[in-house]
Amino acid sequence: MRVTCQELLSTFERILLSRGMAPASARACATLFADATRDGVFTHGVNRFPVFVGQIDLGDVRVDAEPVLVSALGAFERWDGQSGVGNLNAVRCMGRAIELARAGGIGAVALRNTNHWMRGGAYGLQAAEANCIGICWTNALAAMPAWGGRDSRLGTNPLIMALPGEPPVLVDMSMSQFSYGKLEEYRLKGQKLPVAGGYDAAGELTDAPEAVEATRRMLPIGYWKGSALSMVLDMIAAALSGGNSVAELTSKYPRETGVSQVFIAFAMDRLGQDGAWEATVARIKEDIRQSLPAGTGAVRIPGERAAATRAAADRDGLDIDDRIWERVRQL
């Protein structure tokens, strides 16, 4: 199904309004879903939208809730998301981290009791567009075994890092080799994973997405290194926010809700270096682009593909899986 970006946005917005979301909030939330899809992140855009609306209908997501400040200590604040809309809570908290950074160079906000933030890269881009370096991460339901284990004890705990630029540099990565949304995307297309993504029922590494979905034995990035990083990100998010850890939210809730997140911003215009940092980043990019090619594809800087994908979507529209689009329309 070929869908224009405007049709996608207006469809999301109508559905959210029908669920009682205030007009301004519905527009902002729908825009985040549409922008994720425009950038090619279907897994946390259009593909995830029916799940999100389902959580509204089930009461996991309170469309009228607003995050509240719990405590403040200098450049650090702790907020409670009040079980509100995850992507709107995240925009609010990254925005507050940016405000703190503009005042003192660095700002950090820890958020508890919130919902899935959908595309985490959106908040890295939010910081970069405000001329800040942005770092943020979230914990999640247990969906991946710790290295050496068989049962799921770790969240995929996405980590995002972004720098200002044209386009912004953006790293948005799960601690698993593939997110569950990406597994679904490959399965719907009838494709194998490009590399092994987890273990099958026999305990063997496999590139079959449906086999990994069945066992829920995801492969962490970097093997034991990704496992360790997932653990530490969870520890820091829960400790700073005073919220749930992966183990706690997995034992408390049947679906992903009540998660803990961290948002950090560095205001680059406070450095007072007259463009020195931009020149440093440009030199690093240029050096990387001089890489000797290993195949037919060029080496890309993180964030460049998403920017190109968005431009193509704005020009040509989006090809959305008929089954996904029908699920959206039925909402």
C-alpha atoms as a PDB file:
ATOM      1  CA  MET A   1       0.000   0.000   0.000  1.00  0.00           C
ATOM      2  CA  ARG A   2       1.418   3.383  -1.051  1.00  0.00           C
ATOM      3  CA  VAL A   3       0.515   6.026   1.547  1.00  0.00           C
ATOM      4  CA  THR A   4       1.515   9.695   1.582  1.00  0.00           C
ATOM      5  CA  CYS A   5       3.178  11.111   4.681  1.00  0.00           C
ATOM      6  CA  GLN A   6       0.242  13.495   5.201  1.00  0.00           C
ATOM      7  CA  GLU A   7      -2.279  10.642   5.002  1.00  0.00           C
ATOM      8  CA  LEU A   8      -0.255   8.690   7.534  1.00  0.00           C
ATOM      9  CA  LEU A   9      -0.145  11.644   9.931  1.00  0.00           C
ATOM     10  CA  SER A  10      -3.832  12.492   9.619  1.00  0.00           C
ATOM     11  CA  THR A  11      -4.858   8.849  10.096  1.00  0.00           C
ATOM     12  CA  PHE A  12      -2.808   8.566  13.287  1.00  0.00           C
ATOM     13  CA  GLU A  13      -4.197  11.867  14.542  1.00  0.00           C
ATOM     14  CA  ARG A  14      -7.848  10.900  13.960  1.00  0.00           C
ATOM     15  CA  ILE A  15      -7.386   7.619  15.810  1.00  0.00           C
ATOM     16  CA  LEU A  16      -5.741   9.311  18.794  1.00  0.00           C
ATOM     17  CA  LEU A  17      -8.491  11.923  18.982  1.00  0.00           C
ATOM     18  CA  SER A  18     -11.025   9.084  19.014  1.00  0.00           C
ATOM     19  CA  ARG A  19      -9.266   7.744  22.127  1.00  0.00           C
ATOM     20  CA  GLY A  20      -9.812  11.007  24.012  1.00  0.00           C
ATOM     21  CA  MET A  21      -6.371  12.535  23.535  1.00  0.00           C
ATOM     22  CA  ALA A  22      -6.336  16.343  23.602  1.00  0.00           C
ATOM     23  CA  PRO A  23      -5.909  17.884  20.108  1.00  0.00           C
ATOM     24  CA  ALA A  24      -2.413  19.308  20.697  1.00  0.00           C
ATOM     25  CA  SER A  25      -1.207  16.062  22.253  1.00  0.00           C
ATOM     26  CA  ALA A  26      -2.770  13.968  19.480  1.00  0.00           C
ATOM     27  CA  ARG A  27      -1.009  16.066  16.849  1.00  0.00           C
ATOM     28  CA  ALA A  28       2.356  15.846  18.616  1.00  0.00           C
ATOM     29  CA  CYS A  29       2.066  12.102  19.251  1.00  0.00           C
ATOM     30  CA  ALA A  30       0.899  11.375  15.688  1.00  0.00           C
ATOM     31  CA  THR A  31       3.791  13.441  14.308  1.00  0.00           C
ATOM     32  CA  LEU A  32       6.327  11.364  16.251  1.00  0.00           C
ATOM     33  CA  PHE A  33       4.849   8.144  14.858  1.00  0.00           C
ATOM     34  CA  ALA A  34       4.719   9.562  11.333  1.00  0.00           C
ATOM     35  CA  ASP A  35       8.276  10.917  11.490  1.00  0.00           C
ATOM     36  CA  ALA A  36       9.620   7.553  12.641  1.00  0.00           C
ATOM     37  CA  THR A  37       7.926   5.911   9.658  1.00  0.00           C
ATOM     38  CA  ARG A  38       9.200   8.601   7.261  1.00  0.00           C
ATOM     39  CA  ASP A  39      12.746   7.889   8.435  1.00  0.00           C
ATOM     40  CA  GLY A  40      12.305   4.181   7.695  1.00  0.00           C
ATOM     41  CA  VAL A  41      11.859   3.097  11.326  1.00  0.00           C
ATOM     42  CA  PHE A  42       8.613   1.246  10.627  1.00  0.00           C
ATOM     43  CA  THR A  43       9.154  -0.972  13.663  1.00  0.00           C
ATOM     44  CA  HIS A  44       8.530   1.943  16.017  1.00  0.00           C
ATOM     45  CA  GLY A  45       6.297   3.936  13.682  1.00  0.00           C
ATOM     46  CA  VAL A  46       3.347   2.527  11.759  1.00  0.00           C
ATOM     47  CA  ASN A  47       4.045  -1.094  12.740  1.00  0.00           C
ATOM     48  CA  ARG A  48       4.009  -0.221  16.446  1.00  0.00           C
ATOM     49  CA  PHE A  49       1.019   2.122  16.320  1.00  0.00           C
ATOM     50  CA  PRO A  50      -1.691  -0.577  16.725  1.00  0.00           C
ATOM     51  CA  VAL A  51       0.128  -1.933  19.794  1.00  0.00           C
ATOM     52  CA  PHE A  52       0.282   1.571  21.267  1.00  0.00           C
ATOM     53  CA  VAL A  53      -3.437   2.188  20.715  1.00  0.00           C
ATOM     54  CA  GLY A  54      -4.156  -1.231  22.212  1.00  0.00           C
ATOM     55  CA  GLN A  55      -2.322  -0.173  25.373  1.00  0.00           C
ATOM     56  CA  ILE A  56      -4.445   2.972  25.527  1.00  0.00           C
ATOM     57  CA  ASP A  57      -7.572   0.822  25.265  1.00  0.00           C
ATOM     58  CA  LEU A  58      -6.276  -1.517  27.977  1.00  0.00           C
ATOM     59  CA  GLY A  59      -5.515   1.377  30.330  1.00  0.00           C
ATOM     60  CA  ASP A  60      -1.726   1.007  30.361  1.00  0.00           C
ATOM     61  CA  VAL A  61      -1.350   4.463  28.767  1.00  0.00           C
ATOM     62  CA  ARG A  62      -3.228   7.416  30.277  1.00  0.00           C
ATOM     63  CA  VAL A  63      -3.793   9.907  27.474  1.00  0.00           C
ATOM     64  CA  ASP A  64      -4.591  12.764  29.884  1.00  0.00           C
ATOM     65  CA  ALA A  65      -1.568  12.322  32.193  1.00  0.00           C
ATOM     66  CA  GLU A  66       1.304  14.812  32.403  1.00  0.00           C
ATOM     67  CA  PRO A  67       4.785  14.122  33.810  1.00  0.00           C
ATOM     68  CA  VAL A  68       5.541  15.797  37.138  1.00  0.00           C
ATOM     69  CA  LEU A  69       8.786  16.983  38.720  1.00  0.00           C
ATOM     70  CA  VAL A  70       9.724  14.865  41.754  1.00  0.00           C
ATOM     71  CA  SER A  71      13.027  16.430  42.809  1.00  0.00           C
ATOM     72  CA  ALA A  72      15.816  18.680  41.531  1.00  0.00           C
ATOM     73  CA  LEU A  73      19.521  18.852  42.317  1.00  0.00           C
ATOM     74  CA  GLY A  74      21.462  21.380  40.260  1.00  0.00           C
ATOM     75  CA  ALA A  75      21.609  20.209  36.654  1.00  0.00           C
ATOM     76  CA  PHE A  76      19.808  16.936  37.473  1.00  0.00           C
ATOM     77  CA  GLU A  77      16.066  16.395  37.869  1.00  0.00           C
ATOM     78  CA  ARG A  78      13.892  13.370  38.612  1.00  0.00           C
ATOM     79  CA  TRP A  79      10.430  13.188  37.008  1.00  0.00           C
ATOM     80  CA  ASP A  80       7.442  10.815  37.229  1.00  0.00           C
ATOM     81  CA  GLY A  81       5.649  10.027  33.986  1.00  0.00           C
ATOM     82  CA  GLN A  82       2.290   9.251  35.653  1.00  0.00           C
ATOM     83  CA  SER A  83       1.745   6.360  33.189  1.00  0.00           C
ATOM     84  CA  GLY A  84       1.266   8.926  30.440  1.00  0.00           C
ATOM     85  CA  VAL A  85       1.955   8.782  26.703  1.00  0.00           C
ATOM     86  CA  GLY A  86       5.515   7.503  26.386  1.00  0.00           C
ATOM     87  CA  ASN A  87       6.734   9.534  23.427  1.00  0.00           C
ATOM     88  CA  LEU A  88       5.211  12.777  24.765  1.00  0.00           C
ATOM     89  CA  ASN A  89       6.780  12.180  28.196  1.00  0.00           C
ATOM     90  CA  ALA A  90      10.127  11.607  26.501  1.00  0.00           C
ATOM     91  CA  VAL A  91       9.907  14.818  24.445  1.00  0.00           C
ATOM     92  CA  ARG A  92       9.053  16.742  27.619  1.00  0.00           C
ATOM     93  CA  CYS A  93      11.997  15.300  29.565  1.00  0.00           C
ATOM     94  CA  MET A  94      14.570  15.719  26.801  1.00  0.00           C
ATOM     95  CA  GLY A  95      13.272  19.267  26.412  1.00  0.00           C
ATOM     96  CA  ARG A  96      13.850  19.857  30.105  1.00  0.00           C
ATOM     97  CA  ALA A  97      17.380  18.395  29.871  1.00  0.00           C
ATOM     98  CA  ILE A  98      18.059  20.846  27.026  1.00  0.00           C
ATOM     99  CA  GLU A  99      16.790  23.761  29.149  1.00  0.00           C
ATOM    100  CA  LEU A 100      19.071  22.732  32.006  1.00  0.00           C
ATOM    101  CA  ALA A 101      22.009  22.398  29.592  1.00  0.00           C
ATOM    102  CA  ARG A 102      21.439  25.875  28.183  1.00  0.00           C
ATOM    103  CA  ALA A 103      21.580  27.228  31.728  1.00  0.00           C
ATOM    104  CA  GLY A 104      24.659  25.350  32.904  1.00  0.00           C
ATOM    105  CA  GLY A 105      26.236  23.489  29.992  1.00  0.00           C
ATOM    106  CA  ILE A 106      24.822  20.080  30.910  1.00  0.00           C
ATOM    107  CA  GLY A 107      21.382  18.857  31.893  1.00  0.00           C
ATOM    108  CA  ALA A 108      20.088  15.441  32.925  1.00  0.00           C
ATOM    109  CA  VAL A 109      16.592  14.139  33.631  1.00  0.00           C
ATOM    110  CA  ALA A 110      15.662  10.695  34.934  1.00  0.00           C
ATOM    111  CA  LEU A 111      12.078   9.593  34.284  1.00  0.00           C
ATOM    112  CA  ARG A 112      10.147   6.806  36.011  1.00  0.00           C
ATOM    113  CA  ASN A 113       6.673   5.326  35.642  1.00  0.00           C
ATOM    114  CA  THR A 114       6.408   6.041  31.931  1.00  0.00           C
ATOM    115  CA  ASN A 115       5.507   4.025  28.842  1.00  0.00           C
ATOM    116  CA  HIS A 116       7.354   2.825  25.744  1.00  0.00           C
ATOM    117  CA  TRP A 117       8.935   5.855  24.063  1.00  0.00           C
ATOM    118  CA  MET A 118       8.568   4.356  20.567  1.00  0.00           C
ATOM    119  CA  ARG A 119      11.507   5.589  18.404  1.00  0.00           C
ATOM    120  CA  GLY A 120      14.250   6.587  20.810  1.00  0.00           C
ATOM    121  CA  GLY A 121      16.193   8.318  18.059  1.00  0.00           C
ATOM    122  CA  ALA A 122      13.542  11.060  18.017  1.00  0.00           C
ATOM    123  CA  TYR A 123      14.863  12.443  21.303  1.00  0.00           C
ATOM    124  CA  GLY A 124      18.457  12.352  20.130  1.00  0.00           C
ATOM    125  CA  LEU A 125      17.384  14.364  17.083  1.00  0.00           C
ATOM    126  CA  GLN A 126      15.460  16.722  19.371  1.00  0.00           C
ATOM    127  CA  ALA A 127      18.687  17.484  21.221  1.00  0.00           C
ATOM    128  CA  ALA A 128      20.775  17.770  18.046  1.00  0.00           C
ATOM    129  CA  GLU A 129      18.298  20.195  16.488  1.00  0.00           C
ATOM    130  CA  ALA A 130      18.694  22.338  19.629  1.00  0.00           C
ATOM    131  CA  ASN A 131      22.492  22.377  19.049  1.00  0.00           C
ATOM    132  CA  CYS A 132      23.059  19.898  21.867  1.00  0.00           C
ATOM    133  CA  ILE A 133      24.704  16.525  22.097  1.00  0.00           C
ATOM    134  CA  GLY A 134      21.964  14.184  23.277  1.00  0.00           C
ATOM    135  CA  ILE A 135      22.288  10.850  25.094  1.00  0.00           C
ATOM    136  CA  CYS A 136      19.300   8.865  26.325  1.00  0.00           C
ATOM    137  CA  TRP A 137      18.250   5.325  27.065  1.00  0.00           C
ATOM    138  CA  THR A 138      15.370   3.282  28.460  1.00  0.00           C
ATOM    139  CA  ASN A 139      14.917  -0.068  30.110  1.00  0.00           C
ATOM    140  CA  ALA A 140      12.286  -2.522  28.933  1.00  0.00           C
ATOM    141  CA  LEU A 141      10.591  -5.831  29.664  1.00  0.00           C
ATOM    142  CA  ALA A 142      12.967  -8.781  29.885  1.00  0.00           C
ATOM    143  CA  ALA A 143      13.344 -10.108  26.349  1.00  0.00           C
ATOM    144  CA  MET A 144      16.920 -11.369  26.156  1.00  0.00           C
ATOM    145  CA  PRO A 145      18.987 -13.844  28.195  1.00  0.00           C
ATOM    146  CA  ALA A 146      22.045 -12.675  30.078  1.00  0.00           C
ATOM    147  CA  TRP A 147      25.215 -14.058  28.502  1.00  0.00           C
ATOM    148  CA  GLY A 148      25.524 -17.683  29.541  1.00  0.00           C
ATOM    149  CA  GLY A 149      21.829 -17.958  30.482  1.00  0.00           C
ATOM    150  CA  ARG A 150      18.819 -19.490  28.768  1.00  0.00           C
ATOM    151  CA  ASP A 151      15.857 -17.551  30.165  1.00  0.00           C
ATOM    152  CA  SER A 152      15.163 -13.864  29.463  1.00  0.00           C
ATOM    153  CA  ARG A 153      16.440 -11.588  32.238  1.00  0.00           C
ATOM    154  CA  LEU A 154      17.618  -8.522  30.286  1.00  0.00           C
ATOM    155  CA  GLY A 155      15.811  -5.768  28.461  1.00  0.00           C
ATOM    156  CA  THR A 156      16.893  -4.779  24.972  1.00  0.00           C
ATOM    157  CA  ASN A 157      17.370  -1.304  26.578  1.00  0.00           C
ATOM    158  CA  PRO A 158      17.941   0.980  23.549  1.00  0.00           C
ATOM    159  CA  LEU A 159      20.743   3.548  23.761  1.00  0.00           C
ATOM    160  CA  ILE A 160      20.687   6.742  21.684  1.00  0.00           C
ATOM    161  CA  MET A 161      23.496   9.235  20.994  1.00  0.00           C
ATOM    162  CA  ALA A 162      23.230  12.233  18.680  1.00  0.00           C
ATOM    163  CA  LEU A 163      25.326  15.247  17.611  1.00  0.00           C
ATOM    164  CA  PRO A 164      24.254  18.378  15.722  1.00  0.00           C
ATOM    165  CA  GLY A 165      25.021  18.448  12.010  1.00  0.00           C
ATOM    166  CA  GLU A 166      23.555  18.399   8.498  1.00  0.00           C
ATOM    167  CA  PRO A 167      22.200  15.797   8.871  1.00  0.00           C
ATOM    168  CA  PRO A 168      22.635  15.142  12.601  1.00  0.00           C
ATOM    169  CA  VAL A 169      24.799  12.208  13.592  1.00  0.00           C
ATOM    170  CA  LEU A 170      22.469   9.643  15.160  1.00  0.00           C
ATOM    171  CA  VAL A 171      23.077   6.261  16.760  1.00  0.00           C
ATOM    172  CA  ASP A 172      19.895   4.482  17.871  1.00  0.00           C
ATOM    173  CA  MET A 173      20.593   0.926  18.896  1.00  0.00           C
ATOM    174  CA  SER A 174      19.040  -1.844  20.891  1.00  0.00           C
ATOM    175  CA  MET A 175      21.265  -3.983  23.094  1.00  0.00           C
ATOM    176  CA  SER A 176      20.049  -6.992  21.109  1.00  0.00           C
ATOM    177  CA  GLN A 177      21.315  -7.658  17.595  1.00  0.00           C
ATOM    178  CA  PHE A 178      17.753  -7.009  16.370  1.00  0.00           C
ATOM    179  CA  SER A 179      14.722  -5.542  18.130  1.00  0.00           C
ATOM    180  CA  TYR A 180      11.539  -7.613  18.249  1.00  0.00           C
ATOM    181  CA  GLY A 181       9.992  -5.073  15.913  1.00  0.00           C
ATOM    182  CA  LYS A 182      12.765  -5.707  13.398  1.00  0.00           C
ATOM    183  CA  LEU A 183      12.238  -9.462  13.683  1.00  0.00           C
ATOM    184  CA  GLU A 184       8.563  -8.913  12.862  1.00  0.00           C
ATOM    185  CA  GLU A 185       9.500  -6.729   9.901  1.00  0.00           C
ATOM    186  CA  TYR A 186      11.733  -9.415   8.389  1.00  0.00           C
ATOM    187  CA  ARG A 187       9.113 -12.102   9.060  1.00  0.00           C
ATOM    188  CA  LEU A 188       6.349 -10.091   7.380  1.00  0.00           C
ATOM    189  CA  LYS A 189       8.588  -9.650   4.334  1.00  0.00           C
ATOM    190  CA  GLY A 190       9.363 -13.382   4.278  1.00  0.00           C
ATOM    191  CA  GLN A 191      13.078 -12.645   4.624  1.00  0.00           C
ATOM    192  CA  LYS A 192      15.920 -14.108   6.647  1.00  0.00           C
ATOM    193  CA  LEU A 193      17.920 -11.886   8.972  1.00  0.00           C
ATOM    194  CA  PRO A 194      21.178 -10.589   7.437  1.00  0.00           C
ATOM    195  CA  VAL A 195      23.129 -12.158  10.333  1.00  0.00           C
ATOM    196  CA  ALA A 196      22.195 -14.518  13.158  1.00  0.00           C
ATOM    197  CA  GLY A 197      19.808 -12.791  15.565  1.00  0.00           C
ATOM    198  CA  GLY A 198      19.320 -15.376  18.297  1.00  0.00           C
ATOM    199  CA  TYR A 199      18.801 -19.027  19.107  1.00  0.00           C
ATOM    200  CA  ASP A 200      16.283 -21.561  17.829  1.00  0.00           C
ATOM    201  CA  ALA A 201      14.558 -24.308  19.832  1.00  0.00           C
ATOM    202  CA  ALA A 202      17.614 -26.540  19.471  1.00  0.00           C
ATOM    203  CA  GLY A 203      19.883 -23.881  20.987  1.00  0.00           C
ATOM    204  CA  GLU A 204      21.586 -23.106  17.685  1.00  0.00           C
ATOM    205  CA  LEU A 205      22.210 -19.620  16.323  1.00  0.00           C
ATOM    206  CA  THR A 206      19.712 -18.828  13.569  1.00  0.00           C
ATOM    207  CA  ASP A 207      18.872 -16.164  11.004  1.00  0.00           C
ATOM    208  CA  ALA A 208      15.170 -17.187  10.949  1.00  0.00           C
ATOM    209  CA  PRO A 209      13.207 -14.350  12.614  1.00  0.00           C
ATOM    210  CA  GLU A 210      10.245 -16.541  13.517  1.00  0.00           C
ATOM    211  CA  ALA A 211      12.537 -19.006  15.328  1.00  0.00           C
ATOM    212  CA  VAL A 212      13.989 -16.248  17.503  1.00  0.00           C
ATOM    213  CA  GLU A 213      10.517 -14.842  18.210  1.00  0.00           C
ATOM    214  CA  ALA A 214       9.429 -18.301  19.364  1.00  0.00           C
ATOM    215  CA  THR A 215      12.316 -18.899  21.769  1.00  0.00           C
ATOM    216  CA  ARG A 216      12.735 -15.252  22.878  1.00  0.00           C
ATOM    217  CA  ARG A 217      16.455 -15.973  23.066  1.00  0.00           C
ATOM    218  CA  MET A 218      17.801 -12.842  21.423  1.00  0.00           C
ATOM    219  CA  LEU A 219      21.493 -12.430  20.711  1.00  0.00           C
ATOM    220  CA  PRO A 220      23.002  -9.389  22.464  1.00  0.00           C
ATOM    221  CA  ILE A 221      25.185  -7.037  20.435  1.00  0.00           C
ATOM    222  CA  GLY A 222      28.829  -7.905  20.940  1.00  0.00           C
ATOM    223  CA  TYR A 223      27.857 -11.129  22.751  1.00  0.00           C
ATOM    224  CA  TRP A 224      28.882 -10.742  26.431  1.00  0.00           C
ATOM    225  CA  LYS A 225      29.632  -7.029  25.940  1.00  0.00           C
ATOM    226  CA  GLY A 226      26.061  -6.221  24.932  1.00  0.00           C
ATOM    227  CA  SER A 227      24.792  -8.306  27.825  1.00  0.00           C
ATOM    228  CA  ALA A 228      26.896  -6.324  30.287  1.00  0.00           C
ATOM    229  CA  LEU A 229      25.892  -2.985  28.754  1.00  0.00           C
ATOM    230  CA  SER A 230      22.197  -3.896  28.994  1.00  0.00           C
ATOM    231  CA  MET A 231      22.627  -4.675  32.695  1.00  0.00           C
ATOM    232  CA  VAL A 232      24.413  -1.411  33.472  1.00  0.00           C
ATOM    233  CA  LEU A 233      21.973   0.769  31.519  1.00  0.00           C
ATOM    234  CA  ASP A 234      19.127  -0.799  33.497  1.00  0.00           C
ATOM    235  CA  MET A 235      20.920  -0.265  36.805  1.00  0.00           C
ATOM    236  CA  ILE A 236      21.624   3.414  36.089  1.00  0.00           C
ATOM    237  CA  ALA A 237      18.101   4.163  34.788  1.00  0.00           C
ATOM    238  CA  ALA A 238      16.392   2.538  37.776  1.00  0.00           C
ATOM    239  CA  ALA A 239      18.812   4.065  40.311  1.00  0.00           C
ATOM    240  CA  LEU A 240      18.610   7.619  38.945  1.00  0.00           C
ATOM    241  CA  SER A 241      14.841   7.620  38.401  1.00  0.00           C
ATOM    242  CA  GLY A 242      13.856   5.700  41.518  1.00  0.00           C
ATOM    243  CA  GLY A 243      11.708   3.599  39.189  1.00  0.00           C
ATOM    244  CA  ASN A 244      11.378   0.012  38.068  1.00  0.00           C
ATOM    245  CA  SER A 245      14.256  -2.179  36.982  1.00  0.00           C
ATOM    246  CA  VAL A 246      13.842  -4.703  34.163  1.00  0.00           C
ATOM    247  CA  ALA A 247      13.203  -7.462  36.712  1.00  0.00           C
ATOM    248  CA  GLU A 248      10.604  -5.393  38.583  1.00  0.00           C
ATOM    249  CA  LEU A 249       8.600  -4.225  35.600  1.00  0.00           C
ATOM    250  CA  THR A 250       8.713  -7.735  34.093  1.00  0.00           C
ATOM    251  CA  SER A 251       7.298  -9.259  37.284  1.00  0.00           C
ATOM    252  CA  LYS A 252       4.701  -6.502  37.819  1.00  0.00           C
ATOM    253  CA  TYR A 253       3.195  -6.010  34.384  1.00  0.00           C
ATOM    254  CA  PRO A 254       1.955  -8.310  31.592  1.00  0.00           C
ATOM    255  CA  ARG A 255       2.818  -5.648  29.001  1.00  0.00           C
ATOM    256  CA  GLU A 256       5.568  -3.058  28.718  1.00  0.00           C
ATOM    257  CA  THR A 257       4.708  -0.154  31.013  1.00  0.00           C
ATOM    258  CA  GLY A 258       6.238   1.495  34.070  1.00  0.00           C
ATOM    259  CA  VAL A 259       9.672   1.799  32.458  1.00  0.00           C
ATOM    260  CA  SER A 260      12.612   3.985  33.559  1.00  0.00           C
ATOM    261  CA  GLN A 261      14.546   6.356  31.283  1.00  0.00           C
ATOM    262  CA  VAL A 262      17.451   8.829  31.303  1.00  0.00           C
ATOM    263  CA  PHE A 263      17.912  11.961  29.142  1.00  0.00           C
ATOM    264  CA  ILE A 264      21.186  13.928  29.001  1.00  0.00           C
ATOM    265  CA  ALA A 265      22.031  17.036  26.973  1.00  0.00           C
ATOM    266  CA  PHE A 266      25.258  19.003  26.472  1.00  0.00           C
ATOM    267  CA  ALA A 267      24.753  22.554  25.138  1.00  0.00           C
ATOM    268  CA  MET A 268      27.452  22.938  22.492  1.00  0.00           C
ATOM    269  CA  ASP A 269      26.991  26.693  22.107  1.00  0.00           C
ATOM    270  CA  ARG A 270      28.129  27.069  25.730  1.00  0.00           C
ATOM    271  CA  LEU A 271      31.611  25.784  24.889  1.00  0.00           C
ATOM    272  CA  GLY A 272      32.721  29.155  23.527  1.00  0.00           C
ATOM    273  CA  GLN A 273      35.137  27.606  21.021  1.00  0.00           C
ATOM    274  CA  ASP A 274      33.983  29.464  17.901  1.00  0.00           C
ATOM    275  CA  GLY A 275      33.221  26.358  15.863  1.00  0.00           C
ATOM    276  CA  ALA A 276      36.164  24.270  17.019  1.00  0.00           C
ATOM    277  CA  TRP A 277      34.005  21.301  17.966  1.00  0.00           C
ATOM    278  CA  GLU A 278      32.213  21.353  14.585  1.00  0.00           C
ATOM    279  CA  ALA A 279      35.601  21.274  12.848  1.00  0.00           C
ATOM    280  CA  THR A 280      36.656  18.315  14.988  1.00  0.00           C
ATOM    281  CA  VAL A 281      33.520  16.355  14.068  1.00  0.00           C
ATOM    282  CA  ALA A 282      33.932  17.252  10.391  1.00  0.00           C
ATOM    283  CA  ARG A 283      37.532  15.939  10.391  1.00  0.00           C
ATOM    284  CA  ILE A 284      36.420  12.667  11.943  1.00  0.00           C
ATOM    285  CA  LYS A 285      33.657  12.257   9.355  1.00  0.00           C
ATOM    286  CA  GLU A 286      36.016  12.976   6.485  1.00  0.00           C
ATOM    287  CA  ASP A 287      38.585  10.504   7.762  1.00  0.00           C
ATOM    288  CA  ILE A 288      35.924   7.788   7.991  1.00  0.00           C
ATOM    289  CA  ARG A 289      34.704   8.544   4.463  1.00  0.00           C
ATOM    290  CA  GLN A 290      38.227   7.862   3.197  1.00  0.00           C
ATOM    291  CA  SER A 291      37.838   4.203   4.247  1.00  0.00           C
ATOM    292  CA  LEU A 292      38.963   1.626   1.705  1.00  0.00           C
ATOM    293  CA  PRO A 293      35.771  -0.016   0.376  1.00  0.00           C
ATOM    294  CA  ALA A 294      35.141  -3.601   1.447  1.00  0.00           C
ATOM    295  CA  GLY A 295      32.381  -4.129  -1.116  1.00  0.00           C
ATOM    296  CA  THR A 296      29.998  -2.202  -3.338  1.00  0.00           C
ATOM    297  CA  GLY A 297      28.486  -0.024  -0.623  1.00  0.00           C
ATOM    298  CA  ALA A 298      29.997   3.182   0.724  1.00  0.00           C
ATOM    299  CA  VAL A 299      30.779   3.749   4.376  1.00  0.00           C
ATOM    300  CA  ARG A 300      28.034   5.909   5.883  1.00  0.00           C
ATOM    301  CA  ILE A 301      27.990   8.183   8.907  1.00  0.00           C
ATOM    302  CA  PRO A 302      25.179   7.182  11.339  1.00  0.00           C
ATOM    303  CA  GLY A 303      22.083   9.238  10.590  1.00  0.00           C
ATOM    304  CA  GLU A 304      22.706   9.768   6.879  1.00  0.00           C
ATOM    305  CA  ARG A 305      20.505   6.899   5.719  1.00  0.00           C
ATOM    306  CA  ALA A 306      17.548   8.069   7.832  1.00  0.00           C
ATOM    307  CA  ALA A 307      17.806  11.569   6.352  1.00  0.00           C
ATOM    308  CA  ALA A 308      17.856  10.173   2.806  1.00  0.00           C
ATOM    309  CA  THR A 309      14.935   7.866   3.571  1.00  0.00           C
ATOM    310  CA  ARG A 310      12.866  10.782   4.879  1.00  0.00           C
ATOM    311  CA  ALA A 311      13.525  12.838   1.756  1.00  0.00           C
ATOM    312  CA  ALA A 312      12.406   9.918  -0.444  1.00  0.00           C
ATOM    313  CA  ALA A 313       9.273   9.388   1.661  1.00  0.00           C
ATOM    314  CA  ASP A 314       8.311  13.042   1.395  1.00  0.00           C
ATOM    315  CA  ARG A 315       8.747  12.862  -2.360  1.00  0.00           C
ATOM    316  CA  ASP A 316       7.278   9.439  -3.179  1.00  0.00           C
ATOM    317  CA  GLY A 317       5.168   8.384  -0.207  1.00  0.00           C
ATOM    318  CA  LEU A 318       5.595   5.223   1.844  1.00  0.00           C
ATOM    319  CA  ASP A 319       5.145   1.547   0.957  1.00  0.00           C
ATOM    320  CA  ILE A 320       3.389   0.076   3.994  1.00  0.00           C
ATOM    321  CA  ASP A 321       2.626  -3.609   4.429  1.00  0.00           C
ATOM    322  CA  ASP A 322      -1.060  -4.161   3.602  1.00  0.00           C
ATOM    323  CA  ARG A 323      -1.601  -6.199   6.767  1.00  0.00           C
ATOM    324  CA  ILE A 324      -0.171  -3.459   8.981  1.00  0.00           C
ATOM    325  CA  TRP A 325      -2.139  -0.707   7.246  1.00  0.00           C
ATOM    326  CA  GLU A 326      -5.369  -2.684   7.593  1.00  0.00           C
ATOM    327  CA  ARG A 327      -4.726  -3.098  11.326  1.00  0.00           C
ATOM    328  CA  VAL A 328      -4.272   0.673  11.595  1.00  0.00           C
ATOM    329  CA  ARG A 329      -7.456   1.395   9.608  1.00  0.00           C
ATOM    330  CA  GLN A 330      -9.471  -0.950  11.824  1.00  0.00           C
ATOM    331  CA  LEU A 331      -8.601   1.184  14.841  1.00  0.00           C
END
